[in-house]
PDB file of N, CA and C in Angstrom:
ATOM      1  N   MET A   1     110.902 -12.851   0.518  1.00  0.00           N
ATOM      2  CA  MET A   1     110.060 -12.437  -0.581  1.00  0.00           C
ATOM      3  C   MET A   1     110.269 -13.343  -1.799  1.00  0.00           C
ATOM      4  N   SER A   2     111.479 -13.738  -2.049  1.00  0.00           N
ATOM      5  CA  SER A   2     111.767 -14.580  -3.193  1.00  0.00           C
ATOM      6  C   SER A   2     111.094 -15.947  -3.051  1.00  0.00           C
ATOM      7  N   ASP A   3     111.048 -16.464  -1.820  1.00  0.00           N
ATOM      8  CA  ASP A   3     110.405 -17.755  -1.591  1.00  0.00           C
ATOM      9  C   ASP A   3     108.910 -17.687  -1.902  1.00  0.00           C
ATOM     10  N   ASP A   4     108.268 -16.581  -1.508  1.00  0.00           N
ATOM     11  CA  ASP A   4     106.846 -16.402  -1.822  1.00  0.00           C
ATOM     12  C   ASP A   4     106.624 -16.288  -3.326  1.00  0.00           C
ATOM     13  N   PHE A   5     107.525 -15.583  -3.987  1.00  0.00           N
ATOM     14  CA  PHE A   5     107.417 -15.434  -5.439  1.00  0.00           C
ATOM     15  C   PHE A   5     107.556 -16.792  -6.118  1.00  0.00           C
ATOM     16  N   ASP A   6     108.546 -17.572  -5.701  1.00  0.00           N
ATOM     17  CA  ASP A   6     108.745 -18.899  -6.278  1.00  0.00           C
ATOM     18  C   ASP A   6     107.543 -19.799  -6.045  1.00  0.00           C
ATOM     19  N   HIS A   7     106.978 -19.728  -4.838  1.00  0.00           N
ATOM     20  CA  HIS A   7     105.795 -20.531  -4.525  1.00  0.00           C
ATOM     21  C   HIS A   7     104.627 -20.127  -5.430  1.00  0.00           C
ATOM     22  N   GLY A   8     104.430 -18.829  -5.612  1.00  0.00           N
ATOM     23  CA  GLY A   8     103.364 -18.347  -6.493  1.00  0.00           C
ATOM     24  C   GLY A   8     103.570 -18.774  -7.931  1.00  0.00           C
ATOM     25  N   LEU A   9     104.816 -18.759  -8.364  1.00  0.00           N
ATOM     26  CA  LEU A   9     105.130 -19.180  -9.727  1.00  0.00           C
ATOM     27  C   LEU A   9     104.822 -20.663  -9.917  1.00  0.00           C
ATOM     28  N   ARG A  10     105.189 -21.477  -8.935  1.00  0.00           N
ATOM     29  CA  ARG A  10     104.883 -22.908  -9.017  1.00  0.00           C
ATOM     30  C   ARG A  10     103.379 -23.151  -8.989  1.00  0.00           C
ATOM     31  N   GLU A  11     102.654 -22.393  -8.177  1.00  0.00           N
ATOM     32  CA  GLU A  11     101.190 -22.531  -8.140  1.00  0.00           C
ATOM     33  C   GLU A  11     100.578 -22.172  -9.488  1.00  0.00           C
ATOM     34  N   GLY A  12     101.121 -21.153 -10.120  1.00  0.00           N
ATOM     35  CA  GLY A  12     100.643 -20.775 -11.453  1.00  0.00           C
ATOM     36  C   GLY A  12     100.876 -21.879 -12.469  1.00  0.00           C
ATOM     37  N   MET A  13     102.027 -22.522 -12.364  1.00  0.00           N
ATOM     38  CA  MET A  13     102.331 -23.637 -13.267  1.00  0.00           C
ATOM     39  C   MET A  13     101.379 -24.802 -13.013  1.00  0.00           C
ATOM     40  N   ARG A  14     101.078 -25.064 -11.758  1.00  0.00           N
ATOM     41  CA  ARG A  14     100.140 -26.149 -11.430  1.00  0.00           C
ATOM     42  C   ARG A  14      98.744 -25.833 -11.974  1.00  0.00           C
ATOM     43  N   LEU A  15      98.344 -24.584 -11.873  1.00  0.00           N
ATOM     44  CA  LEU A  15      97.056 -24.174 -12.424  1.00  0.00           C
ATOM     45  C   LEU A  15      97.041 -24.343 -13.940  1.00  0.00           C
ATOM     46  N   ALA A  16      98.134 -23.974 -14.584  1.00  0.00           N
ATOM     47  CA  ALA A  16      98.226 -24.148 -16.033  1.00  0.00           C
ATOM     48  C   ALA A  16      98.120 -25.623 -16.405  1.00  0.00           C
ATOM     49  N   LEU A  17      98.749 -26.497 -15.634  1.00  0.00           N
ATOM     50  CA  LEU A  17      98.643 -27.935 -15.892  1.00  0.00           C
ATOM     51  C   LEU A  17      97.201 -28.421 -15.762  1.00  0.00           C
ATOM     52  N   ALA A  18      96.511 -27.940 -14.753  1.00  0.00           N
ATOM     53  CA  ALA A  18      95.119 -28.351 -14.547  1.00  0.00           C
ATOM     54  C   ALA A  18      94.232 -27.886 -15.702  1.00  0.00           C
ATOM     55  N   ILE A  19      94.454 -26.673 -16.158  1.00  0.00           N
ATOM     56  CA  ILE A  19      93.664 -26.138 -17.276  1.00  0.00           C
ATOM     57  C   ILE A  19      93.943 -26.938 -18.543  1.00  0.00           C
ATOM     58  N   LEU A  20      95.214 -27.202 -18.812  1.00  0.00           N
ATOM     59  CA  LEU A  20      95.559 -27.982 -19.994  1.00  0.00           C
ATOM     60  C   LEU A  20      94.990 -29.392 -19.926  1.00  0.00           C
ATOM     61  N   ALA A  21      94.990 -29.983 -18.748  1.00  0.00           N
ATOM     62  CA  ALA A  21      94.425 -31.329 -18.597  1.00  0.00           C
ATOM     63  C   ALA A  21      92.927 -31.329 -18.889  1.00  0.00           C
ATOM     64  N   ALA A  22      92.236 -30.307 -18.432  1.00  0.00           N
ATOM     65  CA  ALA A  22      90.796 -30.212 -18.696  1.00  0.00           C
ATOM     66  C   ALA A  22      90.521 -30.033 -20.185  1.00  0.00           C
ATOM     67  N   GLU A  23      91.296 -29.188 -20.827  1.00  0.00           N
ATOM     68  CA  GLU A  23      91.115 -28.981 -22.269  1.00  0.00           C
ATOM     69  C   GLU A  23      91.448 -30.243 -23.054  1.00  0.00           C
ATOM     70  N   GLU A  24      92.500 -30.936 -22.649  1.00  0.00           N
ATOM     71  CA  GLU A  24      92.867 -32.165 -23.338  1.00  0.00           C
ATOM     72  C   GLU A  24      91.765 -33.209 -23.207  1.00  0.00           C
ATOM     73  N   ALA A  25      91.180 -33.306 -22.029  1.00  0.00           N
ATOM     74  CA  ALA A  25      90.088 -34.262 -21.828  1.00  0.00           C
ATOM     75  C   ALA A  25      88.893 -33.922 -22.716  1.00  0.00           C
ATOM     76  N   LYS A  26      88.625 -32.631 -22.875  1.00  0.00           N
ATOM     77  CA  LYS A  26      87.514 -32.209 -23.733  1.00  0.00           C
ATOM     78  C   LYS A  26      87.757 -32.647 -25.174  1.00  0.00           C
ATOM     79  N   TRP A  27      88.975 -32.403 -25.669  1.00  0.00           N
ATOM     80  CA  TRP A  27      89.265 -32.756 -27.056  1.00  0.00           C
ATOM     81  C   TRP A  27      89.408 -34.263 -27.236  1.00  0.00           C
ATOM     82  N   ALA A  28      89.881 -34.967 -26.219  1.00  0.00           N
ATOM     83  CA  ALA A  28      90.008 -36.424 -26.325  1.00  0.00           C
ATOM     84  C   ALA A  28      88.638 -37.065 -26.505  1.00  0.00           C
ATOM     85  N   ALA A  29      87.642 -36.506 -25.839  1.00  0.00           N
ATOM     86  CA  ALA A  29      86.280 -37.043 -25.962  1.00  0.00           C
ATOM     87  C   ALA A  29      85.705 -36.817 -27.359  1.00  0.00           C
ATOM     88  N   LEU A  30      86.192 -35.813 -28.063  1.00  0.00           N
ATOM     89  CA  LEU A  30      85.647 -35.484 -29.379  1.00  0.00           C
ATOM     90  C   LEU A  30      86.395 -36.157 -30.534  1.00  0.00           C
ATOM     91  N   LEU A  31      87.503 -36.818 -30.243  1.00  0.00           N
ATOM     92  CA  LEU A  31      88.297 -37.433 -31.310  1.00  0.00           C
ATOM     93  C   LEU A  31      87.490 -38.487 -32.061  1.00  0.00           C
ATOM     94  N   GLY A  32      87.457 -38.364 -33.384  1.00  0.00           N
ATOM     95  CA  GLY A  32      86.793 -39.345 -34.221  1.00  0.00           C
ATOM     96  C   GLY A  32      85.279 -39.290 -34.209  1.00  0.00           C
ATOM     97  N   GLU A  33      84.675 -38.305 -33.564  1.00  0.00           N
ATOM     98  CA  GLU A  33      83.220 -38.226 -33.445  1.00  0.00           C
ATOM     99  C   GLU A  33      82.532 -37.618 -34.672  1.00  0.00           C
ATOM    100  N   SER A  34      83.257 -36.844 -35.422  1.00  0.00           N
ATOM    101  CA  SER A  34      82.655 -36.165 -36.570  1.00  0.00           C
ATOM    102  C   SER A  34      82.680 -37.058 -37.809  1.00  0.00           C
ATOM    103  N   ARG A  35      81.739 -36.816 -38.704  1.00  0.00           N
ATOM    104  CA  ARG A  35      81.740 -37.535 -39.978  1.00  0.00           C
ATOM    105  C   ARG A  35      82.744 -36.925 -40.945  1.00  0.00           C
ATOM    106  N   SER A  36      83.176 -35.699 -40.654  1.00  0.00           N
ATOM    107  CA  SER A  36      84.114 -35.018 -41.532  1.00  0.00           C
ATOM    108  C   SER A  36      85.558 -35.361 -41.162  1.00  0.00           C
ATOM    109  N   TRP A  37      86.322 -35.815 -42.143  1.00  0.00           N
ATOM    110  CA  TRP A  37      87.720 -36.164 -41.867  1.00  0.00           C
ATOM    111  C   TRP A  37      88.515 -34.920 -41.494  1.00  0.00           C
ATOM    112  N   ARG A  38      88.152 -33.786 -42.074  1.00  0.00           N
ATOM    113  CA  ARG A  38      88.886 -32.552 -41.787  1.00  0.00           C
ATOM    114  C   ARG A  38      88.681 -32.110 -40.336  1.00  0.00           C
ATOM    115  N   THR A  39      87.457 -32.215 -39.866  1.00  0.00           N
ATOM    116  CA  THR A  39      87.177 -31.873 -38.464  1.00  0.00           C
ATOM    117  C   THR A  39      87.913 -32.822 -37.536  1.00  0.00           C
ATOM    118  N   ASN A  40      87.900 -34.114 -37.851  1.00  0.00           N
ATOM    119  CA  ASN A  40      88.602 -35.090 -37.021  1.00  0.00           C
ATOM    120  C   ASN A  40      90.102 -34.826 -37.010  1.00  0.00           C
ATOM    121  N   ALA A  41      90.664 -34.463 -38.161  1.00  0.00           N
ATOM    122  CA  ALA A  41      92.098 -34.166 -38.228  1.00  0.00           C
ATOM    123  C   ALA A  41      92.432 -32.933 -37.393  1.00  0.00           C
ATOM    124  N   THR A  42      91.576 -31.916 -37.452  1.00  0.00           N
ATOM    125  CA  THR A  42      91.790 -30.707 -36.656  1.00  0.00           C
ATOM    126  C   THR A  42      91.735 -31.023 -35.171  1.00  0.00           C
ATOM    127  N   ARG A  43      90.792 -31.858 -34.785  1.00  0.00           N
ATOM    128  CA  ARG A  43      90.674 -32.244 -33.372  1.00  0.00           C
ATOM    129  C   ARG A  43      91.896 -33.025 -32.910  1.00  0.00           C
ATOM    130  N   GLU A  44      92.416 -33.888 -33.752  1.00  0.00           N
ATOM    131  CA  GLU A  44      93.615 -34.640 -33.396  1.00  0.00           C
ATOM    132  C   GLU A  44      94.812 -33.711 -33.209  1.00  0.00           C
ATOM    133  N   VAL A  45      94.923 -32.714 -34.073  1.00  0.00           N
ATOM    134  CA  VAL A  45      96.022 -31.751 -33.959  1.00  0.00           C
ATOM    135  C   VAL A  45      95.884 -30.946 -32.670  1.00  0.00           C
ATOM    136  N   ARG A  46      94.682 -30.500 -32.356  1.00  0.00           N
ATOM    137  CA  ARG A  46      94.467 -29.749 -31.112  1.00  0.00           C
ATOM    138  C   ARG A  46      94.793 -30.602 -29.895  1.00  0.00           C
ATOM    139  N   HIS A  47      94.366 -31.851 -29.924  1.00  0.00           N
ATOM    140  CA  HIS A  47      94.625 -32.762 -28.814  1.00  0.00           C
ATOM    141  C   HIS A  47      96.131 -32.957 -28.632  1.00  0.00           C
ATOM    142  N   LYS A  48      96.849 -33.186 -29.707  1.00  0.00           N
ATOM    143  CA  LYS A  48      98.297 -33.380 -29.628  1.00  0.00           C
ATOM    144  C   LYS A  48      98.994 -32.103 -29.155  1.00  0.00           C
ATOM    145  N   THR A  49      98.510 -30.966 -29.604  1.00  0.00           N
ATOM    146  CA  THR A  49      99.081 -29.685 -29.177  1.00  0.00           C
ATOM    147  C   THR A  49      98.933 -29.504 -27.677  1.00  0.00           C
ATOM    148  N   LEU A  50      97.786 -29.870 -27.140  1.00  0.00           N
ATOM    149  CA  LEU A  50      97.570 -29.765 -25.700  1.00  0.00           C
ATOM    150  C   LEU A  50      98.465 -30.730 -24.928  1.00  0.00           C
ATOM    151  N   GLN A  51      98.689 -31.917 -25.472  1.00  0.00           N
ATOM    152  CA  GLN A  51      99.587 -32.861 -24.817  1.00  0.00           C
ATOM    153  C   GLN A  51     101.014 -32.316 -24.778  1.00  0.00           C
ATOM    154  N   VAL A  52     101.454 -31.732 -25.877  1.00  0.00           N
ATOM    155  CA  VAL A  52     102.800 -31.146 -25.934  1.00  0.00           C
ATOM    156  C   VAL A  52     102.904 -29.970 -24.964  1.00  0.00           C
ATOM    157  N   ALA A  53     101.870 -29.143 -24.910  1.00  0.00           N
ATOM    158  CA  ALA A  53     101.876 -28.000 -23.991  1.00  0.00           C
ATOM    159  C   ALA A  53     101.954 -28.475 -22.543  1.00  0.00           C
ATOM    160  N   GLN A  54     101.216 -29.529 -22.210  1.00  0.00           N
ATOM    161  CA  GLN A  54     101.281 -30.074 -20.853  1.00  0.00           C
ATOM    162  C   GLN A  54     102.697 -30.520 -20.518  1.00  0.00           C
ATOM    163  N   GLN A  55     103.330 -31.193 -21.447  1.00  0.00           N
ATOM    164  CA  GLN A  55     104.681 -31.684 -21.196  1.00  0.00           C
ATOM    165  C   GLN A  55     105.662 -30.525 -21.019  1.00  0.00           C
ATOM    166  N   ARG A  56     105.486 -29.472 -21.791  1.00  0.00           N
ATOM    167  CA  ARG A  56     106.377 -28.308 -21.669  1.00  0.00           C
ATOM    168  C   ARG A  56     106.179 -27.587 -20.344  1.00  0.00           C
ATOM    169  N   VAL A  57     104.937 -27.453 -19.914  1.00  0.00           N
ATOM    170  CA  VAL A  57     104.670 -26.822 -18.616  1.00  0.00           C
ATOM    171  C   VAL A  57     105.230 -27.698 -17.498  1.00  0.00           C
ATOM    172  N   GLN A  58     105.074 -29.010 -17.628  1.00  0.00           N
ATOM    173  CA  GLN A  58     105.616 -29.933 -16.631  1.00  0.00           C
ATOM    174  C   GLN A  58     107.134 -29.800 -16.543  1.00  0.00           C
ATOM    175  N   THR A  59     107.793 -29.686 -17.674  1.00  0.00           N
ATOM    176  CA  THR A  59     109.244 -29.523 -17.700  1.00  0.00           C
ATOM    177  C   THR A  59     109.647 -28.218 -17.031  1.00  0.00           C
ATOM    178  N   ALA A  60     108.930 -27.152 -17.332  1.00  0.00           N
ATOM    179  CA  ALA A  60     109.231 -25.853 -16.711  1.00  0.00           C
ATOM    180  C   ALA A  60     109.008 -25.916 -15.206  1.00  0.00           C
ATOM    181  N   LEU A  61     107.954 -26.585 -14.773  1.00  0.00           N
ATOM    182  CA  LEU A  61     107.683 -26.725 -13.344  1.00  0.00           C
ATOM    183  C   LEU A  61     108.788 -27.520 -12.657  1.00  0.00           C
ATOM    184  N   ASN A  62     109.239 -28.580 -13.293  1.00  0.00           N
ATOM    185  CA  ASN A  62     110.318 -29.383 -12.717  1.00  0.00           C
ATOM    186  C   ASN A  62     111.601 -28.574 -12.567  1.00  0.00           C
ATOM    187  N   ARG A  63     111.848 -27.671 -13.485  1.00  0.00           N
ATOM    188  CA  ARG A  63     113.045 -26.834 -13.400  1.00  0.00           C
ATOM    189  C   ARG A  63     112.944 -25.817 -12.272  1.00  0.00           C
ATOM    190  N   LEU A  64     111.732 -25.434 -11.906  1.00  0.00           N
ATOM    191  CA  LEU A  64     111.534 -24.458 -10.829  1.00  0.00           C
ATOM    192  C   LEU A  64     111.600 -25.087  -9.446  1.00  0.00           C
ATOM    193  N   LEU A  65     111.372 -26.385  -9.364  1.00  0.00           N
ATOM    194  CA  LEU A  65     111.345 -27.054  -8.068  1.00  0.00           C
ATOM    195  C   LEU A  65     112.758 -27.319  -7.568  1.00  0.00           C
ATOM    196  N   PRO A  66     112.953 -27.155  -6.276  1.00  0.00           N
ATOM    197  CA  PRO A  66     114.231 -27.569  -5.704  1.00  0.00           C
ATOM    198  C   PRO A  66     114.402 -29.074  -5.877  1.00  0.00           C
ATOM    199  N   LYS A  67     115.637 -29.517  -5.953  1.00  0.00           N
ATOM    200  CA  LYS A  67     115.902 -30.948  -6.173  1.00  0.00           C
ATOM    201  C   LYS A  67     115.198 -31.808  -5.142  1.00  0.00           C
ATOM    202  N   GLY A  68     114.487 -32.824  -5.614  1.00  0.00           N
ATOM    203  CA  GLY A  68     113.829 -33.777  -4.733  1.00  0.00           C
ATOM    204  C   GLY A  68     112.474 -33.332  -4.203  1.00  0.00           C
ATOM    205  N   GLU A  69     112.058 -32.088  -4.444  1.00  0.00           N
ATOM    206  CA  GLU A  69     110.776 -31.623  -3.898  1.00  0.00           C
ATOM    207  C   GLU A  69     109.597 -32.305  -4.572  1.00  0.00           C
ATOM    208  N   ALA A  70     109.725 -32.625  -5.839  1.00  0.00           N
ATOM    209  CA  ALA A  70     108.617 -33.248  -6.564  1.00  0.00           C
ATOM    210  C   ALA A  70     108.209 -34.566  -5.920  1.00  0.00           C
ATOM    211  N   LEU A  71     109.173 -35.296  -5.411  1.00  0.00           N
ATOM    212  CA  LEU A  71     108.864 -36.581  -4.799  1.00  0.00           C
ATOM    213  C   LEU A  71     108.378 -36.422  -3.365  1.00  0.00           C
ATOM    214  N   GLN A  72     108.775 -35.338  -2.693  1.00  0.00           N
ATOM    215  CA  GLN A  72     108.441 -35.164  -1.292  1.00  0.00           C
ATOM    216  C   GLN A  72     107.171 -34.358  -1.061  1.00  0.00           C
ATOM    217  N   ASN A  73     106.749 -33.574  -2.030  1.00  0.00           N
ATOM    218  CA  ASN A  73     105.610 -32.691  -1.862  1.00  0.00           C
ATOM    219  C   ASN A  73     104.320 -33.435  -2.228  1.00  0.00           C
ATOM    220  N   PRO A  74     103.492 -33.803  -1.243  1.00  0.00           N
ATOM    221  CA  PRO A  74     102.261 -34.561  -1.557  1.00  0.00           C
ATOM    222  C   PRO A  74     101.254 -33.743  -2.363  1.00  0.00           C
ATOM    223  N   GLU A  75     101.221 -32.424  -2.150  1.00  0.00           N
ATOM    224  CA  GLU A  75     100.304 -31.573  -2.906  1.00  0.00           C
ATOM    225  C   GLU A  75     100.663 -31.594  -4.386  1.00  0.00           C
ATOM    226  N   LEU A  76     101.940 -31.498  -4.684  1.00  0.00           N
ATOM    227  CA  LEU A  76     102.385 -31.528  -6.070  1.00  0.00           C
ATOM    228  C   LEU A  76     102.122 -32.900  -6.678  1.00  0.00           C
ATOM    229  N   ALA A  77     102.386 -33.950  -5.927  1.00  0.00           N
ATOM    230  CA  ALA A  77     102.160 -35.298  -6.443  1.00  0.00           C
ATOM    231  C   ALA A  77     100.687 -35.511  -6.790  1.00  0.00           C
ATOM    232  N   SER A  78      99.778 -35.004  -5.956  1.00  0.00           N
ATOM    233  CA  SER A  78      98.348 -35.174  -6.249  1.00  0.00           C
ATOM    234  C   SER A  78      97.928 -34.329  -7.453  1.00  0.00           C
ATOM    235  N   ALA A  79      98.493 -33.138  -7.587  1.00  0.00           N
ATOM    236  CA  ALA A  79      98.166 -32.288  -8.738  1.00  0.00           C
ATOM    237  C   ALA A  79      98.646 -32.939 -10.034  1.00  0.00           C
ATOM    238  N   LEU A  80      99.833 -33.523  -9.999  1.00  0.00           N
ATOM    239  CA  LEU A  80     100.357 -34.184 -11.185  1.00  0.00           C
ATOM    240  C   LEU A  80      99.560 -35.436 -11.521  1.00  0.00           C
ATOM    241  N   GLU A  81      99.100 -36.146 -10.504  1.00  0.00           N
ATOM    242  CA  GLU A  81      98.296 -37.331 -10.739  1.00  0.00           C
ATOM    243  C   GLU A  81      96.946 -36.967 -11.351  1.00  0.00           C
ATOM    244  N   LYS A  82      96.359 -35.865 -10.869  1.00  0.00           N
ATOM    245  CA  LYS A  82      95.087 -35.397 -11.439  1.00  0.00           C
ATOM    246  C   LYS A  82      95.262 -35.058 -12.909  1.00  0.00           C
ATOM    247  N   ALA A  83      96.407 -34.450 -13.238  1.00  0.00           N
ATOM    248  CA  ALA A  83      96.669 -34.065 -14.620  1.00  0.00           C
ATOM    249  C   ALA A  83      97.060 -35.249 -15.477  1.00  0.00           C
ATOM    250  N   GLY A  84      97.332 -36.383 -14.847  1.00  0.00           N
ATOM    251  CA  GLY A  84      97.684 -37.566 -15.592  1.00  0.00           C
ATOM    252  C   GLY A  84      99.135 -37.598 -16.016  1.00  0.00           C
ATOM    253  N   LEU A  85      99.980 -36.888 -15.291  1.00  0.00           N
ATOM    254  CA  LEU A  85     101.409 -36.850 -15.635  1.00  0.00           C
ATOM    255  C   LEU A  85     102.232 -37.618 -14.647  1.00  0.00           C
TER     256      LEU A  85
END
């Protein structure tokens, strides 16, 4: 049962990474597009916040993985590549 729980937890982390990557891509496309400096500054802050959140989720995921699994698991490697990490 614990193995299934751990697998589900890792899948949840991978889903969170995918969501954060999609949001980051959305905000990256909007950077510098507005004529208002305040809007551009807000977008830059949101973009940076999403990058930091991705890194924190990645760190948490790495702590949940058994040693060496990140390099051996092709599914995880493809998910991380999609997220750009």
